[in-house]
Amino acid sequence: MTLVLMPAHSQINKHNCSFGIALGTSTPLGEFEDEEAQTNFQNTALTGFHFSANFSFKPWRHFGATSLFTINNHRIDANIDEIITLVQWFYPGYSIKIDAGSWLSANLMAGGIFSLPYKKFEFNLKALAGISYTKIPEVNFNATDSLTSLHMTSNDASAWAIALNAGIEIQYNILQKLALSLSIDDFFTRPEFEVATTSDLFEPVTEDVKPALNMLNVSFGIKYRI
C-alpha cells in the first residue's frame, strides 16, 4: 500500500498557495506605441509604470489556478515641442500650451498556471482572461496672443473591455515561505471610448475610438508561500 501511495503523494504541492506583489515597467506594443498607425497622438503611449498583485493555488506539483490584478499607467506619446513649433508656424505671434494626461488601466483576471519546479526555482507559465477598466487621457490645447485666446480639449473617457494575459514567471524560493519573482507578461485589451472634443472654433464633436492596447509588462516582486 505504501508503494502505491508514494507516487501520488509526490505530485501534491507542499506550499499550494501563494500571494505576491510586484512592480515594474509597462511597454506599449503595436499600434499603442506607433504614432504612424494612429490618426490621433492621444491614442499612443510611452513606457510607463506597472503594478501587480497575484494569488495562486496549486494543489498539484505542476498545475494550478491563478488570479491577477494589475494597474498600468502611461503618458501619451507626443512630442509637445514639435507640435507647438508646427502650430506657431501657422499662427505666428501666438503663445501655445499643450497639457496632456496619462493612460490608466486597472485589470482583474483569472486563469491557469503550469509549473516546472527545479531545486529552489519554479518556472511558471500562465494564461488568464478577465475584465479591464481603461481611461483615455485628456488633452488641452491653448493658443493666446495679445487680443485673442483659443482653447480646444479632447476630453478623457473610460470604458470596460475583455482583457487577455499570457506570461512567464521565474520564481526563486529564498526561504521556506518567501520567494522572489520575475514576471514577463503580454497583456491585451481593446476598449471602445466615446471621446468628446470641445473648442472655441466649432461645436462639440463626439468620436468613437477603439484602440488596440497591447503591453509588455516586466516586473520584479516578492511572494509569501502558504
C-alpha atoms as a PDB file:
ATOM      1  CA  MET A   1       0.000   0.000   0.000  1.00  0.00           C
ATOM      2  CA  THR A   2       2.824   2.417   0.805  1.00  0.00           C
ATOM      3  CA  LEU A   3       4.404   1.908  -2.614  1.00  0.00           C
ATOM      4  CA  VAL A   4       1.126   2.722  -4.327  1.00  0.00           C
ATOM      5  CA  LEU A   5       0.527   5.943  -2.407  1.00  0.00           C
ATOM      6  CA  MET A   6       4.005   7.435  -2.622  1.00  0.00           C
ATOM      7  CA  PRO A   7       3.936   8.403  -6.340  1.00  0.00           C
ATOM      8  CA  ALA A   8       0.552  10.048  -5.948  1.00  0.00           C
ATOM      9  CA  HIS A   9       1.649  11.882  -2.835  1.00  0.00           C
ATOM     10  CA  SER A  10       4.775  13.151  -4.578  1.00  0.00           C
ATOM     11  CA  GLN A  11       2.615  15.079  -7.046  1.00  0.00           C
ATOM     12  CA  ILE A  12       0.974  17.147  -4.274  1.00  0.00           C
ATOM     13  CA  ASN A  13       2.486  20.603  -3.767  1.00  0.00           C
ATOM     14  CA  LYS A  14       3.604  21.269  -0.189  1.00  0.00           C
ATOM     15  CA  HIS A  15       3.109  25.050  -0.433  1.00  0.00           C
ATOM     16  CA  ASN A  16      -0.022  25.114  -2.553  1.00  0.00           C
ATOM     17  CA  CYS A  17      -0.971  28.797  -2.047  1.00  0.00           C
ATOM     18  CA  SER A  18       0.970  31.999  -2.579  1.00  0.00           C
ATOM     19  CA  PHE A  19       0.299  35.722  -2.560  1.00  0.00           C
ATOM     20  CA  GLY A  20       2.609  38.205  -4.195  1.00  0.00           C
ATOM     21  CA  ILE A  21       3.048  41.813  -5.262  1.00  0.00           C
ATOM     22  CA  ALA A  22       5.345  43.199  -7.943  1.00  0.00           C
ATOM     23  CA  LEU A  23       6.449  46.487  -9.508  1.00  0.00           C
ATOM     24  CA  GLY A  24       7.926  47.141 -12.923  1.00  0.00           C
ATOM     25  CA  THR A  25       7.546  48.713 -16.341  1.00  0.00           C
ATOM     26  CA  SER A  26       4.807  48.519 -18.947  1.00  0.00           C
ATOM     27  CA  THR A  27       5.927  48.936 -22.568  1.00  0.00           C
ATOM     28  CA  PRO A  28       3.293  49.637 -25.250  1.00  0.00           C
ATOM     29  CA  LEU A  29       3.380  47.408 -28.334  1.00  0.00           C
ATOM     30  CA  GLY A  30       1.942  47.569 -31.846  1.00  0.00           C
ATOM     31  CA  GLU A  31      -0.490  50.393 -32.570  1.00  0.00           C
ATOM     32  CA  PHE A  32      -0.357  51.525 -28.952  1.00  0.00           C
ATOM     33  CA  GLU A  33       3.249  52.716 -29.391  1.00  0.00           C
ATOM     34  CA  ASP A  34       3.224  53.583 -33.109  1.00  0.00           C
ATOM     35  CA  GLU A  35       2.220  57.182 -33.835  1.00  0.00           C
ATOM     36  CA  GLU A  36       2.167  56.488 -37.587  1.00  0.00           C
ATOM     37  CA  ALA A  37      -0.515  53.823 -37.100  1.00  0.00           C
ATOM     38  CA  GLN A  38      -2.847  56.275 -35.342  1.00  0.00           C
ATOM     39  CA  THR A  39      -4.769  59.307 -36.576  1.00  0.00           C
ATOM     40  CA  ASN A  40      -4.549  60.916 -33.131  1.00  0.00           C
ATOM     41  CA  PHE A  41      -1.441  61.049 -30.916  1.00  0.00           C
ATOM     42  CA  GLN A  42      -3.806  60.804 -27.928  1.00  0.00           C
ATOM     43  CA  ASN A  43      -4.089  57.072 -28.775  1.00  0.00           C
ATOM     44  CA  THR A  44      -0.372  56.294 -28.341  1.00  0.00           C
ATOM     45  CA  ALA A  45       1.725  55.911 -25.205  1.00  0.00           C
ATOM     46  CA  LEU A  46       5.221  55.828 -23.757  1.00  0.00           C
ATOM     47  CA  THR A  47       6.693  53.160 -21.484  1.00  0.00           C
ATOM     48  CA  GLY A  48       5.074  53.520 -18.091  1.00  0.00           C
ATOM     49  CA  PHE A  49       4.502  52.104 -14.615  1.00  0.00           C
ATOM     50  CA  HIS A  50       3.197  48.611 -13.803  1.00  0.00           C
ATOM     51  CA  PHE A  51       1.890  47.182 -10.514  1.00  0.00           C
ATOM     52  CA  SER A  52       0.524  43.694  -9.931  1.00  0.00           C
ATOM     53  CA  ALA A  53      -0.886  41.582  -7.117  1.00  0.00           C
ATOM     54  CA  ASN A  54      -1.476  37.878  -7.611  1.00  0.00           C
ATOM     55  CA  PHE A  55      -2.852  34.870  -5.776  1.00  0.00           C
ATOM     56  CA  SER A  56      -2.053  31.326  -6.904  1.00  0.00           C
ATOM     57  CA  PHE A  57      -3.441  27.982  -5.794  1.00  0.00           C
ATOM     58  CA  LYS A  58      -1.501  24.901  -6.910  1.00  0.00           C
ATOM     59  CA  PRO A  59      -2.896  21.725  -5.348  1.00  0.00           C
ATOM     60  CA  TRP A  60      -0.690  19.692  -7.699  1.00  0.00           C
ATOM     61  CA  ARG A  61       3.013  19.933  -8.362  1.00  0.00           C
ATOM     62  CA  HIS A  62       2.674  21.121 -11.961  1.00  0.00           C
ATOM     63  CA  PHE A  63      -0.848  22.535 -12.309  1.00  0.00           C
ATOM     64  CA  GLY A  64      -2.949  25.154 -10.577  1.00  0.00           C
ATOM     65  CA  ALA A  65      -5.086  28.281 -10.815  1.00  0.00           C
ATOM     66  CA  THR A  66      -4.057  31.902 -10.504  1.00  0.00           C
ATOM     67  CA  SER A  67      -5.646  35.339 -10.285  1.00  0.00           C
ATOM     68  CA  LEU A  68      -4.028  38.643 -11.173  1.00  0.00           C
ATOM     69  CA  PHE A  69      -4.811  42.305 -10.516  1.00  0.00           C
ATOM     70  CA  THR A  70      -2.748  44.883 -12.417  1.00  0.00           C
ATOM     71  CA  ILE A  71      -2.514  48.645 -12.806  1.00  0.00           C
ATOM     72  CA  ASN A  72      -0.745  50.279 -15.764  1.00  0.00           C
ATOM     73  CA  ASN A  73      -0.045  53.985 -16.206  1.00  0.00           C
ATOM     74  CA  HIS A  74       1.354  55.580 -19.374  1.00  0.00           C
ATOM     75  CA  ARG A  75       1.974  59.125 -20.537  1.00  0.00           C
ATOM     76  CA  ILE A  76       0.835  59.796 -24.083  1.00  0.00           C
ATOM     77  CA  ASP A  77       3.479  59.589 -26.800  1.00  0.00           C
ATOM     78  CA  ALA A  78       3.577  63.130 -28.146  1.00  0.00           C
ATOM     79  CA  ASN A  79       6.455  65.443 -28.945  1.00  0.00           C
ATOM     80  CA  ILE A  80       4.805  68.530 -27.441  1.00  0.00           C
ATOM     81  CA  ASP A  81       7.597  70.889 -28.511  1.00  0.00           C
ATOM     82  CA  GLU A  82       7.357  69.701 -32.123  1.00  0.00           C
ATOM     83  CA  ILE A  83       3.572  70.192 -32.161  1.00  0.00           C
ATOM     84  CA  ILE A  84       3.908  73.690 -30.676  1.00  0.00           C
ATOM     85  CA  THR A  85       6.515  74.645 -33.310  1.00  0.00           C
ATOM     86  CA  LEU A  86       4.223  73.436 -36.099  1.00  0.00           C
ATOM     87  CA  VAL A  87       1.203  75.344 -34.757  1.00  0.00           C
ATOM     88  CA  GLN A  88       3.236  78.535 -34.308  1.00  0.00           C
ATOM     89  CA  TRP A  89       4.317  78.312 -37.941  1.00  0.00           C
ATOM     90  CA  PHE A  90       0.640  78.592 -38.955  1.00  0.00           C
ATOM     91  CA  TYR A  91      -0.244  81.069 -36.205  1.00  0.00           C
ATOM     92  CA  PRO A  92       2.802  83.334 -35.669  1.00  0.00           C
ATOM     93  CA  GLY A  93       2.626  85.526 -32.601  1.00  0.00           C
ATOM     94  CA  TYR A  94       0.556  83.053 -30.591  1.00  0.00           C
ATOM     95  CA  SER A  95       1.722  81.532 -27.325  1.00  0.00           C
ATOM     96  CA  ILE A  96       0.948  77.797 -27.428  1.00  0.00           C
ATOM     97  CA  LYS A  97       0.442  75.488 -24.445  1.00  0.00           C
ATOM     98  CA  ILE A  98      -0.498  71.790 -24.540  1.00  0.00           C
ATOM     99  CA  ASP A  99      -1.310  69.784 -21.417  1.00  0.00           C
ATOM    100  CA  ALA A 100      -1.814  66.027 -21.647  1.00  0.00           C
ATOM    101  CA  GLY A 101      -2.854  63.456 -19.068  1.00  0.00           C
ATOM    102  CA  SER A 102      -1.939  59.773 -18.828  1.00  0.00           C
ATOM    103  CA  TRP A 103      -3.425  56.445 -19.788  1.00  0.00           C
ATOM    104  CA  LEU A 104      -4.666  54.384 -16.849  1.00  0.00           C
ATOM    105  CA  SER A 105      -5.878  50.786 -16.820  1.00  0.00           C
ATOM    106  CA  ALA A 106      -6.945  48.535 -13.948  1.00  0.00           C
ATOM    107  CA  ASN A 107      -7.369  44.858 -14.749  1.00  0.00           C
ATOM    108  CA  LEU A 108      -8.672  41.789 -12.933  1.00  0.00           C
ATOM    109  CA  MET A 109      -8.054  38.355 -14.459  1.00  0.00           C
ATOM    110  CA  ALA A 110      -8.027  34.660 -13.587  1.00  0.00           C
ATOM    111  CA  GLY A 111      -6.708  31.573 -15.320  1.00  0.00           C
ATOM    112  CA  GLY A 112      -4.452  28.543 -15.192  1.00  0.00           C
ATOM    113  CA  ILE A 113      -0.802  28.030 -14.365  1.00  0.00           C
ATOM    114  CA  PHE A 114       1.675  25.315 -15.381  1.00  0.00           C
ATOM    115  CA  SER A 115       4.738  24.993 -13.155  1.00  0.00           C
ATOM    116  CA  LEU A 116       8.129  23.310 -13.577  1.00  0.00           C
ATOM    117  CA  PRO A 117       9.984  23.201 -10.229  1.00  0.00           C
ATOM    118  CA  TYR A 118      13.759  22.748 -10.163  1.00  0.00           C
ATOM    119  CA  LYS A 119      15.525  22.817  -6.789  1.00  0.00           C
ATOM    120  CA  LYS A 120      14.774  26.314  -5.376  1.00  0.00           C
ATOM    121  CA  PHE A 121      13.429  27.598  -8.711  1.00  0.00           C
ATOM    122  CA  GLU A 122       9.958  27.406 -10.219  1.00  0.00           C
ATOM    123  CA  PHE A 123       9.281  28.209 -13.884  1.00  0.00           C
ATOM    124  CA  ASN A 124       5.627  29.137 -14.290  1.00  0.00           C
ATOM    125  CA  LEU A 125       3.612  29.568 -17.485  1.00  0.00           C
ATOM    126  CA  LYS A 126       0.268  31.334 -17.112  1.00  0.00           C
ATOM    127  CA  ALA A 127      -2.733  32.218 -19.264  1.00  0.00           C
ATOM    128  CA  LEU A 128      -5.518  34.461 -17.941  1.00  0.00           C
ATOM    129  CA  ALA A 129      -8.633  36.309 -19.036  1.00  0.00           C
ATOM    130  CA  GLY A 130     -10.821  38.874 -17.313  1.00  0.00           C
ATOM    131  CA  ILE A 131     -12.008  42.466 -17.417  1.00  0.00           C
ATOM    132  CA  SER A 132     -10.218  45.763 -17.893  1.00  0.00           C
ATOM    133  CA  TYR A 133     -11.188  49.310 -16.936  1.00  0.00           C
ATOM    134  CA  THR A 134      -9.269  51.827 -19.048  1.00  0.00           C
ATOM    135  CA  LYS A 135      -9.180  55.613 -19.067  1.00  0.00           C
ATOM    136  CA  ILE A 136      -8.000  57.563 -22.112  1.00  0.00           C
ATOM    137  CA  PRO A 137      -6.193  60.808 -21.201  1.00  0.00           C
ATOM    138  CA  GLU A 138      -7.465  64.337 -21.632  1.00  0.00           C
ATOM    139  CA  VAL A 139      -5.523  66.702 -23.913  1.00  0.00           C
ATOM    140  CA  ASN A 140      -5.862  70.514 -23.582  1.00  0.00           C
ATOM    141  CA  PHE A 141      -4.679  72.921 -26.282  1.00  0.00           C
ATOM    142  CA  ASN A 142      -4.450  76.671 -25.632  1.00  0.00           C
ATOM    143  CA  ALA A 143      -3.302  79.403 -28.035  1.00  0.00           C
ATOM    144  CA  THR A 144      -3.202  83.049 -26.949  1.00  0.00           C
ATOM    145  CA  ASP A 145      -1.925  86.389 -28.228  1.00  0.00           C
ATOM    146  CA  SER A 146      -2.432  89.965 -27.053  1.00  0.00           C
ATOM    147  CA  LEU A 147      -6.033  90.061 -28.336  1.00  0.00           C
ATOM    148  CA  THR A 148      -7.498  86.551 -28.556  1.00  0.00           C
ATOM    149  CA  SER A 149      -7.478  83.209 -26.807  1.00  0.00           C
ATOM    150  CA  LEU A 150      -8.295  79.846 -28.400  1.00  0.00           C
ATOM    151  CA  HIS A 151      -8.996  76.670 -26.468  1.00  0.00           C
ATOM    152  CA  MET A 152      -9.585  73.049 -27.519  1.00  0.00           C
ATOM    153  CA  THR A 153      -9.990  69.979 -25.329  1.00  0.00           C
ATOM    154  CA  SER A 154     -10.077  66.325 -26.231  1.00  0.00           C
ATOM    155  CA  ASN A 155     -11.814  65.057 -23.124  1.00  0.00           C
ATOM    156  CA  ASP A 156     -10.895  61.957 -21.180  1.00  0.00           C
ATOM    157  CA  ALA A 157     -13.180  58.921 -21.318  1.00  0.00           C
ATOM    158  CA  SER A 158     -13.356  55.476 -19.717  1.00  0.00           C
ATOM    159  CA  ALA A 159     -14.544  52.062 -20.865  1.00  0.00           C
ATOM    160  CA  TRP A 160     -14.732  48.392 -19.849  1.00  0.00           C
ATOM    161  CA  ALA A 161     -13.435  45.576 -22.058  1.00  0.00           C
ATOM    162  CA  ILE A 162     -12.258  41.970 -22.056  1.00  0.00           C
ATOM    163  CA  ALA A 163      -8.616  41.540 -21.017  1.00  0.00           C
ATOM    164  CA  LEU A 164      -6.191  38.773 -22.017  1.00  0.00           C
ATOM    165  CA  ASN A 165      -2.820  37.991 -20.460  1.00  0.00           C
ATOM    166  CA  ALA A 166      -0.148  35.383 -21.179  1.00  0.00           C
ATOM    167  CA  GLY A 167       3.144  35.271 -19.357  1.00  0.00           C
ATOM    168  CA  ILE A 168       6.104  33.501 -17.850  1.00  0.00           C
ATOM    169  CA  GLU A 169       7.360  33.798 -14.293  1.00  0.00           C
ATOM    170  CA  ILE A 170      10.661  32.736 -12.750  1.00  0.00           C
ATOM    171  CA  GLN A 171      10.347  32.216  -9.005  1.00  0.00           C
ATOM    172  CA  TYR A 172      13.234  31.696  -6.590  1.00  0.00           C
ATOM    173  CA  ASN A 173      12.348  30.370  -3.143  1.00  0.00           C
ATOM    174  CA  ILE A 174      14.782  32.126  -0.812  1.00  0.00           C
ATOM    175  CA  LEU A 175      13.092  30.808   2.368  1.00  0.00           C
ATOM    176  CA  GLN A 176      10.524  28.146   3.155  1.00  0.00           C
ATOM    177  CA  LYS A 177       7.684  30.670   2.911  1.00  0.00           C
ATOM    178  CA  LEU A 178       9.274  33.532   0.988  1.00  0.00           C
ATOM    179  CA  ALA A 179      10.162  33.835  -2.692  1.00  0.00           C
ATOM    180  CA  LEU A 180      11.353  36.378  -5.236  1.00  0.00           C
ATOM    181  CA  SER A 181       9.830  36.551  -8.713  1.00  0.00           C
ATOM    182  CA  LEU A 182      10.496  37.929 -12.184  1.00  0.00           C
ATOM    183  CA  SER A 183       7.463  38.102 -14.481  1.00  0.00           C
ATOM    184  CA  ILE A 184       7.141  38.899 -18.179  1.00  0.00           C
ATOM    185  CA  ASP A 185       3.534  39.288 -19.364  1.00  0.00           C
ATOM    186  CA  ASP A 186       1.909  40.105 -22.684  1.00  0.00           C
ATOM    187  CA  PHE A 187      -1.337  41.979 -21.962  1.00  0.00           C
ATOM    188  CA  PHE A 188      -4.066  42.919 -24.452  1.00  0.00           C
ATOM    189  CA  THR A 189      -7.392  44.734 -24.317  1.00  0.00           C
ATOM    190  CA  ARG A 190      -9.483  46.728 -26.796  1.00  0.00           C
ATOM    191  CA  PRO A 191     -11.887  49.168 -25.116  1.00  0.00           C
ATOM    192  CA  GLU A 192     -14.229  51.404 -27.076  1.00  0.00           C
ATOM    193  CA  PHE A 193     -14.301  55.027 -25.961  1.00  0.00           C
ATOM    194  CA  GLU A 194     -16.683  57.846 -26.754  1.00  0.00           C
ATOM    195  CA  VAL A 195     -14.371  60.865 -26.820  1.00  0.00           C
ATOM    196  CA  ALA A 196     -15.828  64.389 -26.930  1.00  0.00           C
ATOM    197  CA  THR A 197     -13.809  67.278 -28.353  1.00  0.00           C
ATOM    198  CA  THR A 198     -14.782  70.841 -27.460  1.00  0.00           C
ATOM    199  CA  SER A 199     -13.380  74.042 -28.930  1.00  0.00           C
ATOM    200  CA  ASP A 200     -13.926  77.789 -29.222  1.00  0.00           C
ATOM    201  CA  LEU A 201     -13.902  77.357 -33.008  1.00  0.00           C
ATOM    202  CA  PHE A 202     -16.601  74.712 -33.561  1.00  0.00           C
ATOM    203  CA  GLU A 203     -19.467  72.820 -31.951  1.00  0.00           C
ATOM    204  CA  PRO A 204     -18.608  69.833 -29.714  1.00  0.00           C
ATOM    205  CA  VAL A 205     -17.723  66.701 -31.681  1.00  0.00           C
ATOM    206  CA  THR A 206     -18.003  63.126 -30.397  1.00  0.00           C
ATOM    207  CA  GLU A 207     -15.885  60.335 -31.854  1.00  0.00           C
ATOM    208  CA  ASP A 208     -15.905  56.584 -31.191  1.00  0.00           C
ATOM    209  CA  VAL A 209     -12.338  55.422 -30.573  1.00  0.00           C
ATOM    210  CA  LYS A 210     -11.368  51.733 -30.287  1.00  0.00           C
ATOM    211  CA  PRO A 211      -7.576  51.429 -29.945  1.00  0.00           C
ATOM    212  CA  ALA A 212      -5.798  48.094 -29.578  1.00  0.00           C
ATOM    213  CA  LEU A 213      -3.915  48.322 -26.271  1.00  0.00           C
ATOM    214  CA  ASN A 214      -1.088  45.789 -26.211  1.00  0.00           C
ATOM    215  CA  MET A 215       1.543  45.987 -23.446  1.00  0.00           C
ATOM    216  CA  LEU A 216       4.619  44.052 -22.395  1.00  0.00           C
ATOM    217  CA  ASN A 217       4.785  44.127 -18.593  1.00  0.00           C
ATOM    218  CA  VAL A 218       8.063  43.256 -16.845  1.00  0.00           C
ATOM    219  CA  SER A 219       8.038  43.196 -13.046  1.00  0.00           C
ATOM    220  CA  PHE A 220      10.035  42.109 -10.012  1.00  0.00           C
ATOM    221  CA  GLY A 221       8.243  41.048  -6.873  1.00  0.00           C
ATOM    222  CA  ILE A 222       8.047  39.120  -3.642  1.00  0.00           C
ATOM    223  CA  LYS A 223       5.772  36.226  -2.700  1.00  0.00           C
ATOM    224  CA  TYR A 224       4.539  34.722   0.530  1.00  0.00           C
ATOM    225  CA  ARG A 225       4.023  30.944   0.302  1.00  0.00           C
ATOM    226  CA  ILE A 226       1.470  29.109   2.407  1.00  0.00           C
END
